[in-house]
């Protein structure tokens, strides 16, 4: 099973960002939940080549407005 280690940054905020392990690679436009934060992915790219079943990615995100 693949593990995506995703480093994320939230634009336009003082949110510290972080690193999460996901079983599915997020796509641009998709929403992800990290802790209590609902985030929308606006950019994603590979940081370094994969090692075995580990993929190292970076995601730039923005907060999703809750209705």
PDB file of N, CA and C in Angstrom:
ATOM      1  N   UNK A   1       0.843  -1.175   0.000  1.00  0.00           N
ATOM      2  CA  UNK A   1       0.000   0.000   0.000  1.00  0.00           C
ATOM      3  C   UNK A   1       0.891   1.241   0.000  1.00  0.00           C
ATOM      4  N   UNK A   2       0.575   2.167  -0.854  1.00  0.00           N
ATOM      5  CA  UNK A   2       1.344   3.416  -0.959  1.00  0.00           C
ATOM      6  C   UNK A   2       1.014   4.348   0.200  1.00  0.00           C
ATOM      7  N   UNK A   3       2.020   5.085   0.643  1.00  0.00           N
ATOM      8  CA  UNK A   3       1.845   6.118   1.658  1.00  0.00           C
ATOM      9  C   UNK A   3       2.347   7.418   1.050  1.00  0.00           C
ATOM     10  N   UNK A   4       1.490   8.428   1.069  1.00  0.00           N
ATOM     11  CA  UNK A   4       1.848   9.746   0.563  1.00  0.00           C
ATOM     12  C   UNK A   4       2.148  10.646   1.754  1.00  0.00           C
ATOM     13  N   UNK A   5       3.405  11.018   1.904  1.00  0.00           N
ATOM     14  CA  UNK A   5       3.813  11.947   2.950  1.00  0.00           C
ATOM     15  C   UNK A   5       3.682  13.341   2.342  1.00  0.00           C
ATOM     16  N   UNK A   6       2.674  14.065   2.784  1.00  0.00           N
ATOM     17  CA  UNK A   6       2.334  15.343   2.167  1.00  0.00           C
ATOM     18  C   UNK A   6       2.669  16.479   3.125  1.00  0.00           C
ATOM     19  N   UNK A   7       3.599  17.325   2.686  1.00  0.00           N
ATOM     20  CA  UNK A   7       3.914  18.556   3.394  1.00  0.00           C
ATOM     21  C   UNK A   7       2.934  19.596   2.877  1.00  0.00           C
ATOM     22  N   UNK A   8       2.232  20.274   3.796  1.00  0.00           N
ATOM     23  CA  UNK A   8       1.256  21.247   3.328  1.00  0.00           C
ATOM     24  C   UNK A   8       1.479  22.614   3.956  1.00  0.00           C
ATOM     25  N   UNK A   9       1.162  23.638   3.189  1.00  0.00           N
ATOM     26  CA  UNK A   9       1.234  25.031   3.611  1.00  0.00           C
ATOM     27  C   UNK A   9      -0.112  25.660   3.284  1.00  0.00           C
ATOM     28  N   UNK A  10      -0.628  26.479   4.219  1.00  0.00           N
ATOM     29  CA  UNK A  10      -1.900  27.159   4.004  1.00  0.00           C
ATOM     30  C   UNK A  10      -1.605  28.611   3.654  1.00  0.00           C
ATOM     31  N   UNK A  11      -1.973  29.013   2.435  1.00  0.00           N
ATOM     32  CA  UNK A  11      -1.683  30.376   1.972  1.00  0.00           C
ATOM     33  C   UNK A  11      -2.549  31.403   2.687  1.00  0.00           C
ATOM     34  N   UNK A  12      -1.987  32.584   2.849  1.00  0.00           N
ATOM     35  CA  UNK A  12      -2.737  33.704   3.393  1.00  0.00           C
ATOM     36  C   UNK A  12      -3.168  33.547   4.831  1.00  0.00           C
ATOM     37  N   UNK A  13      -2.450  32.727   5.601  1.00  0.00           N
ATOM     38  CA  UNK A  13      -2.820  32.552   7.003  1.00  0.00           C
ATOM     39  C   UNK A  13      -1.565  32.340   7.840  1.00  0.00           C
ATOM     40  N   UNK A  14      -1.762  32.364   9.147  1.00  0.00           N
ATOM     41  CA  UNK A  14      -0.631  32.098  10.034  1.00  0.00           C
ATOM     42  C   UNK A  14      -0.610  30.634  10.486  1.00  0.00           C
ATOM     43  N   UNK A  15      -1.402  29.805   9.818  1.00  0.00           N
ATOM     44  CA  UNK A  15      -1.429  28.371  10.106  1.00  0.00           C
ATOM     45  C   UNK A  15      -0.027  27.818   9.879  1.00  0.00           C
ATOM     46  N   UNK A  16       0.497  27.003  10.805  1.00  0.00           N
ATOM     47  CA  UNK A  16       1.876  26.533  10.674  1.00  0.00           C
ATOM     48  C   UNK A  16       2.105  25.481   9.592  1.00  0.00           C
ATOM     49  N   UNK A  17       1.027  24.916   9.031  1.00  0.00           N
ATOM     50  CA  UNK A  17       1.209  23.850   8.053  1.00  0.00           C
ATOM     51  C   UNK A  17       1.636  22.585   8.761  1.00  0.00           C
ATOM     52  N   UNK A  18       2.189  21.648   8.034  1.00  0.00           N
ATOM     53  CA  UNK A  18       2.636  20.409   8.650  1.00  0.00           C
ATOM     54  C   UNK A  18       2.853  19.322   7.634  1.00  0.00           C
ATOM     55  N   UNK A  19       2.963  18.115   8.147  1.00  0.00           N
ATOM     56  CA  UNK A  19       3.162  16.937   7.309  1.00  0.00           C
ATOM     57  C   UNK A  19       2.142  15.889   7.735  1.00  0.00           C
ATOM     58  N   UNK A  20       1.437  15.324   6.762  1.00  0.00           N
ATOM     59  CA  UNK A  20       0.449  14.278   7.037  1.00  0.00           C
ATOM     60  C   UNK A  20       0.733  13.072   6.153  1.00  0.00           C
ATOM     61  N   UNK A  21       0.368  11.900   6.640  1.00  0.00           N
ATOM     62  CA  UNK A  21       0.445  10.678   5.851  1.00  0.00           C
ATOM     63  C   UNK A  21      -0.944  10.373   5.327  1.00  0.00           C
ATOM     64  N   UNK A  22      -1.058  10.196   4.034  1.00  0.00           N
ATOM     65  CA  UNK A  22      -2.336   9.895   3.405  1.00  0.00           C
ATOM     66  C   UNK A  22      -2.219   8.612   2.589  1.00  0.00           C
ATOM     67  N   UNK A  23      -3.320   7.908   2.428  1.00  0.00           N
ATOM     68  CA  UNK A  23      -3.334   6.688   1.618  1.00  0.00           C
ATOM     69  C   UNK A  23      -3.655   6.974   0.161  1.00  0.00           C
ATOM     70  N   UNK A  24      -4.110   8.204  -0.115  1.00  0.00           N
ATOM     71  CA  UNK A  24      -4.490   8.585  -1.480  1.00  0.00           C
ATOM     72  C   UNK A  24      -3.875   9.949  -1.773  1.00  0.00           C
ATOM     73  N   UNK A  25      -3.323  10.099  -2.943  1.00  0.00           N
ATOM     74  CA  UNK A  25      -2.734  11.372  -3.335  1.00  0.00           C
ATOM     75  C   UNK A  25      -3.818  12.404  -3.568  1.00  0.00           C
ATOM     76  N   UNK A  26      -3.777  13.541  -2.853  1.00  0.00           N
ATOM     77  CA  UNK A  26      -4.774  14.577  -3.112  1.00  0.00           C
ATOM     78  C   UNK A  26      -4.541  15.211  -4.484  1.00  0.00           C
ATOM     79  N   UNK A  27      -5.626  15.703  -5.065  1.00  0.00           N
ATOM     80  CA  UNK A  27      -5.549  16.360  -6.373  1.00  0.00           C
ATOM     81  C   UNK A  27      -5.929  17.822  -6.224  1.00  0.00           C
ATOM     82  N   UNK A  28      -5.484  18.637  -7.155  1.00  0.00           N
ATOM     83  CA  UNK A  28      -5.835  20.054  -7.166  1.00  0.00           C
ATOM     84  C   UNK A  28      -7.359  20.182  -7.207  1.00  0.00           C
ATOM     85  N   UNK A  29      -7.901  21.050  -6.350  1.00  0.00           N
ATOM     86  CA  UNK A  29      -9.336  21.267  -6.269  1.00  0.00           C
ATOM     87  C   UNK A  29     -10.023  20.396  -5.239  1.00  0.00           C
ATOM     88  N   UNK A  30      -9.344  19.353  -4.786  1.00  0.00           N
ATOM     89  CA  UNK A  30      -9.906  18.432  -3.821  1.00  0.00           C
ATOM     90  C   UNK A  30      -9.802  19.004  -2.408  1.00  0.00           C
ATOM     91  N   UNK A  31     -10.743  18.636  -1.558  1.00  0.00           N
ATOM     92  CA  UNK A  31     -10.701  19.062  -0.162  1.00  0.00           C
ATOM     93  C   UNK A  31     -10.077  17.962   0.686  1.00  0.00           C
ATOM     94  N   UNK A  32      -9.266  18.365   1.660  1.00  0.00           N
ATOM     95  CA  UNK A  32      -8.698  17.425   2.617  1.00  0.00           C
ATOM     96  C   UNK A  32      -8.927  17.992   4.010  1.00  0.00           C
ATOM     97  N   UNK A  33      -8.987  17.107   4.980  1.00  0.00           N
ATOM     98  CA  UNK A  33      -9.125  17.555   6.362  1.00  0.00           C
ATOM     99  C   UNK A  33      -7.853  17.204   7.100  1.00  0.00           C
ATOM    100  N   UNK A  34      -7.287  18.223   7.743  1.00  0.00           N
ATOM    101  CA  UNK A  34      -6.069  18.048   8.543  1.00  0.00           C
ATOM    102  C   UNK A  34      -6.392  18.589   9.932  1.00  0.00           C
ATOM    103  N   UNK A  35      -6.489  17.693  10.900  1.00  0.00           N
ATOM    104  CA  UNK A  35      -6.922  18.115  12.227  1.00  0.00           C
ATOM    105  C   UNK A  35      -8.321  18.689  12.139  1.00  0.00           C
ATOM    106  N   UNK A  36      -8.507  19.911  12.645  1.00  0.00           N
ATOM    107  CA  UNK A  36      -9.812  20.576  12.573  1.00  0.00           C
ATOM    108  C   UNK A  36      -9.972  21.432  11.322  1.00  0.00           C
ATOM    109  N   UNK A  37      -8.938  21.508  10.505  1.00  0.00           N
ATOM    110  CA  UNK A  37      -8.952  22.393   9.333  1.00  0.00           C
ATOM    111  C   UNK A  37      -9.459  21.671   8.086  1.00  0.00           C
ATOM    112  N   UNK A  38     -10.418  22.297   7.413  1.00  0.00           N
ATOM    113  CA  UNK A  38     -10.867  21.830   6.101  1.00  0.00           C
ATOM    114  C   UNK A  38     -10.103  22.649   5.068  1.00  0.00           C
ATOM    115  N   UNK A  39      -9.326  21.967   4.224  1.00  0.00           N
ATOM    116  CA  UNK A  39      -8.455  22.645   3.274  1.00  0.00           C
ATOM    117  C   UNK A  39      -8.774  22.227   1.852  1.00  0.00           C
ATOM    118  N   UNK A  40      -8.539  23.145   0.918  1.00  0.00           N
ATOM    119  CA  UNK A  40      -8.676  22.870  -0.511  1.00  0.00           C
ATOM    120  C   UNK A  40      -7.281  22.936  -1.117  1.00  0.00           C
ATOM    121  N   UNK A  41      -6.913  21.911  -1.870  1.00  0.00           N
ATOM    122  CA  UNK A  41      -5.592  21.841  -2.508  1.00  0.00           C
ATOM    123  C   UNK A  41      -5.601  22.744  -3.740  1.00  0.00           C
ATOM    124  N   UNK A  42      -4.646  23.679  -3.791  1.00  0.00           N
ATOM    125  CA  UNK A  42      -4.565  24.560  -4.962  1.00  0.00           C
ATOM    126  C   UNK A  42      -3.315  24.273  -5.807  1.00  0.00           C
ATOM    127  N   UNK A  43      -2.384  23.511  -5.245  1.00  0.00           N
ATOM    128  CA  UNK A  43      -1.179  23.132  -5.992  1.00  0.00           C
ATOM    129  C   UNK A  43      -0.584  21.910  -5.305  1.00  0.00           C
ATOM    130  N   UNK A  44      -0.056  20.975  -6.102  1.00  0.00           N
ATOM    131  CA  UNK A  44       0.634  19.821  -5.529  1.00  0.00           C
ATOM    132  C   UNK A  44       1.768  19.413  -6.458  1.00  0.00           C
ATOM    133  N   UNK A  45       2.902  19.067  -5.850  1.00  0.00           N
ATOM    134  CA  UNK A  45       4.021  18.588  -6.653  1.00  0.00           C
ATOM    135  C   UNK A  45       4.905  17.656  -5.834  1.00  0.00           C
ATOM    136  N   UNK A  46       5.703  16.871  -6.539  1.00  0.00           N
ATOM    137  CA  UNK A  46       6.600  15.901  -5.919  1.00  0.00           C
ATOM    138  C   UNK A  46       7.840  16.613  -5.379  1.00  0.00           C
ATOM    139  N   UNK A  47       8.206  16.310  -4.122  1.00  0.00           N
ATOM    140  CA  UNK A  47       9.404  16.903  -3.526  1.00  0.00           C
ATOM    141  C   UNK A  47      10.671  16.150  -3.929  1.00  0.00           C
ATOM    142  N   UNK A  48      10.628  14.834  -3.775  1.00  0.00           N
ATOM    143  CA  UNK A  48      11.746  13.976  -4.171  1.00  0.00           C
ATOM    144  C   UNK A  48      11.158  12.706  -4.775  1.00  0.00           C
ATOM    145  N   UNK A  49      11.960  11.944  -5.515  1.00  0.00           N
ATOM    146  CA  UNK A  49      11.436  10.710  -6.100  1.00  0.00           C
ATOM    147  C   UNK A  49      10.959   9.737  -5.009  1.00  0.00           C
ATOM    148  N   UNK A  50       9.990   8.902  -5.350  1.00  0.00           N
ATOM    149  CA  UNK A  50       9.466   7.935  -4.374  1.00  0.00           C
ATOM    150  C   UNK A  50      10.545   6.944  -3.943  1.00  0.00           C
ATOM    151  N   UNK A  51      10.371   6.441  -2.743  1.00  0.00           N
ATOM    152  CA  UNK A  51      11.232   5.380  -2.204  1.00  0.00           C
ATOM    153  C   UNK A  51      10.315   4.247  -1.778  1.00  0.00           C
ATOM    154  N   UNK A  52      10.437   3.145  -2.495  1.00  0.00           N
ATOM    155  CA  UNK A  52       9.535   2.002  -2.306  1.00  0.00           C
ATOM    156  C   UNK A  52       8.095   2.468  -2.394  1.00  0.00           C
ATOM    157  N   UNK A  53       7.316   2.301  -1.332  1.00  0.00           N
ATOM    158  CA  UNK A  53       5.901   2.689  -1.357  1.00  0.00           C
ATOM    159  C   UNK A  53       5.654   4.051  -0.729  1.00  0.00           C
ATOM    160  N   UNK A  54       6.699   4.851  -0.543  1.00  0.00           N
ATOM    161  CA  UNK A  54       6.558   6.172   0.063  1.00  0.00           C
ATOM    162  C   UNK A  54       6.756   7.256  -0.991  1.00  0.00           C
ATOM    163  N   UNK A  55       5.773   8.160  -1.071  1.00  0.00           N
ATOM    164  CA  UNK A  55       5.812   9.266  -2.018  1.00  0.00           C
ATOM    165  C   UNK A  55       5.861  10.565  -1.217  1.00  0.00           C
ATOM    166  N   UNK A  56       6.768  11.465  -1.591  1.00  0.00           N
ATOM    167  CA  UNK A  56       6.992  12.701  -0.845  1.00  0.00           C
ATOM    168  C   UNK A  56       6.482  13.881  -1.670  1.00  0.00           C
ATOM    169  N   UNK A  57       5.402  14.494  -1.180  1.00  0.00           N
ATOM    170  CA  UNK A  57       4.700  15.510  -1.945  1.00  0.00           C
ATOM    171  C   UNK A  57       4.592  16.806  -1.150  1.00  0.00           C
ATOM    172  N   UNK A  58       4.351  17.902  -1.870  1.00  0.00           N
ATOM    173  CA  UNK A  58       4.068  19.188  -1.239  1.00  0.00           C
ATOM    174  C   UNK A  58       2.731  19.674  -1.771  1.00  0.00           C
ATOM    175  N   UNK A  59       1.884  20.184  -0.867  1.00  0.00           N
ATOM    176  CA  UNK A  59       0.586  20.725  -1.266  1.00  0.00           C
ATOM    177  C   UNK A  59       0.432  22.144  -0.726  1.00  0.00           C
ATOM    178  N   UNK A  60       0.083  23.050  -1.597  1.00  0.00           N
ATOM    179  CA  UNK A  60      -0.288  24.404  -1.189  1.00  0.00           C
ATOM    180  C   UNK A  60      -1.806  24.396  -1.093  1.00  0.00           C
ATOM    181  N   UNK A  61      -2.316  24.883   0.047  1.00  0.00           N
ATOM    182  CA  UNK A  61      -3.751  24.797   0.319  1.00  0.00           C
ATOM    183  C   UNK A  61      -4.311  26.151   0.744  1.00  0.00           C
ATOM    184  N   UNK A  62      -5.632  26.217   0.776  1.00  0.00           N
ATOM    185  CA  UNK A  62      -6.331  27.365   1.339  1.00  0.00           C
ATOM    186  C   UNK A  62      -7.488  26.822   2.162  1.00  0.00           C
ATOM    187  N   UNK A  63      -7.947  27.613   3.125  1.00  0.00           N
ATOM    188  CA  UNK A  63      -9.067  27.191   3.949  1.00  0.00           C
ATOM    189  C   UNK A  63     -10.341  27.109   3.117  1.00  0.00           C
ATOM    190  N   UNK A  64     -11.161  26.107   3.415  1.00  0.00           N
ATOM    191  CA  UNK A  64     -12.486  25.967   2.810  1.00  0.00           C
ATOM    192  C   UNK A  64     -13.470  26.625   3.758  1.00  0.00           C
ATOM    193  N   UNK A  65     -14.295  27.498   3.234  1.00  0.00           N
ATOM    194  CA  UNK A  65     -15.317  28.164   4.049  1.00  0.00           C
ATOM    195  C   UNK A  65     -16.385  27.140   4.417  1.00  0.00           C
ATOM    196  N   UNK A  66     -16.669  27.053   5.692  1.00  0.00           N
ATOM    197  CA  UNK A  66     -17.732  26.150   6.143  1.00  0.00           C
ATOM    198  C   UNK A  66     -19.070  26.823   6.009  1.00  0.00           C
ATOM    199  N   UNK A  67     -20.063  26.045   5.582  1.00  0.00           N
ATOM    200  CA  UNK A  67     -21.402  26.597   5.371  1.00  0.00           C
ATOM    201  C   UNK A  67     -22.240  26.475   6.622  1.00  0.00           C
TER     202      UNK A  67
END
